[in-house]
Protein backbone atom coordinates (compact mmCIF):
# COMPACT_ATOMS: atom_id res chain seq x y z
CA GLY A 1 92.27 24.69 -30.23
CA SER A 2 90.22 25.71 -27.18
CA GLY A 3 92.15 23.55 -24.76
CA ILE A 4 88.91 21.90 -23.67
CA ALA A 5 89.05 18.14 -24.08
CA ALA A 6 86.18 16.47 -25.90
CA GLY A 7 84.18 13.60 -24.51
CA ILE A 8 82.60 10.97 -26.71
CA SER A 9 79.62 8.71 -26.29
CA ALA A 10 79.11 5.14 -27.39
CA ALA A 11 75.91 3.21 -28.09
CA PHE A 12 73.85 6.26 -27.16
CA PRO A 13 71.07 6.28 -26.05
CA LEU A 14 70.05 2.61 -25.79
CA GLY A 15 73.28 0.60 -25.42
CA SER A 16 72.02 -2.08 -27.78
CA LEU A 17 74.87 -2.11 -30.30
CA SER A 18 76.92 -5.26 -30.58
CA THR A 19 80.21 -5.16 -28.74
CA ASP A 20 82.15 -4.99 -32.01
CA ALA A 21 80.01 -2.11 -33.25
CA LYS A 22 80.41 -0.29 -29.92
CA VAL A 23 84.21 -0.62 -30.05
CA ALA A 24 84.25 0.49 -33.70
CA GLU A 25 82.12 3.52 -32.82
CA VAL A 26 84.49 4.46 -30.01
CA MET A 27 87.63 4.05 -32.09
CA ASP A 28 86.14 6.04 -34.99
CA ALA A 29 85.23 8.85 -32.60
CA VAL A 30 88.68 8.78 -30.99
CA ALA A 31 90.29 9.07 -34.43
CA ARG A 32 88.06 12.00 -35.41
CA VAL A 33 88.56 14.10 -32.29
CA ASP A 34 91.08 16.89 -32.79
CA GLY A 35 93.44 16.15 -29.94
CA LYS A 36 92.71 13.47 -27.38
CA PRO A 37 89.21 12.92 -25.96
CA SER A 38 89.14 13.00 -22.18
CA ALA A 39 86.39 10.43 -21.73
CA VAL A 40 84.15 7.83 -23.30
CA GLU A 41 80.64 7.51 -21.86
CA MET A 42 79.29 4.16 -22.99
CA VAL A 43 75.72 3.02 -22.55
CA THR A 44 75.89 -0.52 -21.25
CA ASN A 45 73.89 -3.32 -22.83
CA ILE A 46 70.92 -3.41 -20.48
CA ALA A 47 69.34 -6.33 -22.33
CA LEU A 48 72.31 -8.53 -21.50
CA LEU A 49 72.03 -7.56 -17.84
CA LYS A 50 68.26 -8.06 -17.71
CA GLU A 51 68.61 -11.49 -19.34
CA GLY A 52 71.18 -12.53 -16.73
CA HIS A 53 74.12 -12.65 -19.16
CA PHE A 54 76.51 -11.08 -16.64
CA ASP A 55 79.68 -12.37 -18.32
CA GLY A 56 78.59 -10.92 -21.67
CA TYR A 57 77.60 -7.66 -19.99
CA THR A 58 81.04 -7.43 -18.34
CA ARG A 59 82.85 -8.36 -21.58
CA ASP A 60 80.95 -5.62 -23.44
CA ILE A 61 82.22 -2.97 -21.01
CA ALA A 62 85.73 -4.47 -20.93
CA ALA A 63 85.97 -4.35 -24.73
CA VAL A 64 85.54 -0.56 -24.68
CA VAL A 65 87.94 -0.20 -21.75
CA ASN A 66 90.53 -2.31 -23.57
CA ALA A 67 90.06 -0.40 -26.82
CA VAL A 68 91.16 2.89 -25.24
CA GLU A 69 93.70 1.44 -22.81
CA GLY A 70 96.93 3.39 -22.60
CA ARG A 71 95.41 6.49 -24.23
CA GLY A 72 94.59 8.33 -20.99
CA ILE A 73 90.86 8.20 -21.72
CA ILE A 74 88.42 7.77 -18.83
CA VAL A 75 85.64 5.22 -19.41
CA LYS A 76 82.25 5.79 -17.81
CA ALA A 77 79.72 2.94 -17.91
CA ILE A 78 76.16 4.29 -18.05
CA LEU A 79 73.90 1.86 -16.20
CA GLU A 80 70.47 3.50 -16.75
CA THR A 81 69.56 2.86 -13.13
CA SER A 82 65.92 3.90 -13.48
CA LEU A 83 65.36 0.72 -15.51
CA LEU A 84 67.05 -1.51 -12.93
CA ALA A 85 66.11 -3.09 -9.62
CA ASP A 86 68.55 -2.61 -6.76
CA GLU A 87 70.14 -6.04 -7.25
CA GLU A 88 70.65 -5.22 -10.94
CA ILE A 89 72.31 -1.90 -10.04
CA VAL A 90 74.68 -3.84 -7.78
CA ALA A 91 75.39 -6.44 -10.51
CA ALA A 92 75.92 -3.74 -13.15
CA SER A 93 78.21 -1.71 -10.89
CA LEU A 94 80.30 -4.77 -10.02
CA ALA A 95 80.52 -5.74 -13.69
CA ALA A 96 81.73 -2.24 -14.63
CA LYS A 97 84.31 -2.39 -11.85
CA ARG A 98 85.53 -5.85 -12.94
CA ALA A 99 85.69 -4.64 -16.55
CA GLY A 100 88.02 -1.80 -15.57
CA ALA A 101 85.70 1.17 -16.11
CA ASP A 102 86.72 4.32 -14.27
CA PHE A 103 83.17 5.46 -13.44
CA VAL A 104 79.65 4.17 -13.17
CA LYS A 105 77.02 6.67 -14.27
CA THR A 106 73.33 6.68 -13.41
CA SER A 107 71.62 7.73 -16.61
CA THR A 108 71.61 9.02 -20.16
CA ALA A 109 68.68 11.27 -19.14
CA PHE A 110 66.65 9.71 -21.96
CA THR A 111 64.46 7.63 -19.67
CA GLN A 112 61.57 8.92 -17.61
CA LYS A 113 63.63 9.16 -14.46
CA GLY A 114 67.26 10.11 -14.07
CA ALA A 115 69.54 10.01 -11.06
CA THR A 116 68.22 9.30 -7.59
CA VAL A 117 70.00 9.70 -4.29
CA GLU A 118 69.22 6.06 -3.51
CA ALA A 119 70.80 4.76 -6.74
CA VAL A 120 73.90 6.92 -6.28
CA ALA A 121 74.33 5.71 -2.68
CA LEU A 122 73.92 2.09 -3.76
CA MET A 123 76.44 2.51 -6.58
CA ARG A 124 78.95 4.14 -4.21
CA ARG A 125 78.57 1.39 -1.61
CA THR A 126 79.03 -1.22 -4.34
CA VAL A 127 82.09 0.18 -6.12
CA GLY A 128 83.82 1.65 -3.06
CA PRO A 129 86.02 4.74 -2.97
CA GLU A 130 88.45 3.72 -5.72
CA MET A 131 85.94 4.12 -8.57
CA GLY A 132 84.04 7.21 -9.70
CA VAL A 133 80.28 7.64 -9.51
CA LYS A 134 78.56 10.14 -11.79
CA ALA A 135 75.00 11.26 -11.08
CA SER A 136 73.26 12.39 -14.24
CA GLY A 137 69.72 12.95 -15.40
CA GLY A 138 67.09 15.22 -13.91
CA ILE A 139 69.36 17.20 -11.59
CA ARG A 140 67.75 20.63 -11.70
CA SER A 141 68.91 22.46 -8.59
CA PHE A 142 72.03 23.06 -6.54
CA ALA A 143 70.36 21.31 -3.59
CA GLU A 144 69.73 18.20 -5.72
CA ALA A 145 73.32 18.23 -6.94
CA MET A 146 74.61 18.50 -3.37
CA ALA A 147 72.35 15.63 -2.27
CA MET A 148 73.94 13.50 -5.02
CA VAL A 149 77.42 14.45 -3.82
CA GLU A 150 76.48 13.60 -0.23
CA ALA A 151 75.20 10.22 -1.46
CA GLY A 152 78.57 9.49 -3.05
CA ALA A 153 78.71 11.09 -6.50
CA ASN A 154 81.99 12.71 -7.38
CA ARG A 155 80.74 14.02 -10.73
CA ILE A 156 77.43 15.60 -11.70
CA GLY A 157 75.94 15.62 -15.18
CA THR A 158 73.41 18.35 -15.79
CA SER A 159 72.30 20.66 -18.57
CA ARG A 160 71.76 23.35 -15.92
CA GLY A 161 75.35 23.82 -14.74
CA VAL A 162 75.37 27.61 -14.97
CA ALA A 163 72.02 27.91 -13.16
CA LEU A 164 73.21 25.52 -10.43
CA MET A 165 76.34 27.58 -9.84
CA ARG A 166 74.26 30.76 -9.64
CA GLU A 167 72.14 29.07 -6.95
CA ALA A 168 75.32 28.21 -5.05
CA HIS A 169 76.25 31.91 -4.78
CA PHE A 170 79.90 31.41 -5.62
């Protein structure tokens, strides 16, 4: 009753669920949310990407996108960029775009390294202006957040939101 829409996660934190299990998890969460969730943040199946199974990787993302289609729910594909080489970030970003995801996201913040300016810039160049880019993981200052925005992020994920806004002197 707060008016704040819930977001849900899928295959958190490792992305290793089967596609069917991932879709079932999403649909169960959608059914349990009081009101409509605003977004699904799904951890992509990094193993499929690393093994070169690009079609399977794309289908995994598309299955979640298709499961919530027509419900007004944004889908964010978490790539876990700190585990990927640049060419894998490009492949993952293109797969998410082909699959119909609304955003690509850098990180779950469960790996050693979260968002980097370089990864955000590469993701933005790859997906273009029509898709969202969310920088998340390890963003601890307003200056870091602004560097991510300048690199192309249009959303920031941080556990320090209040502190960042205090730094901004709004």
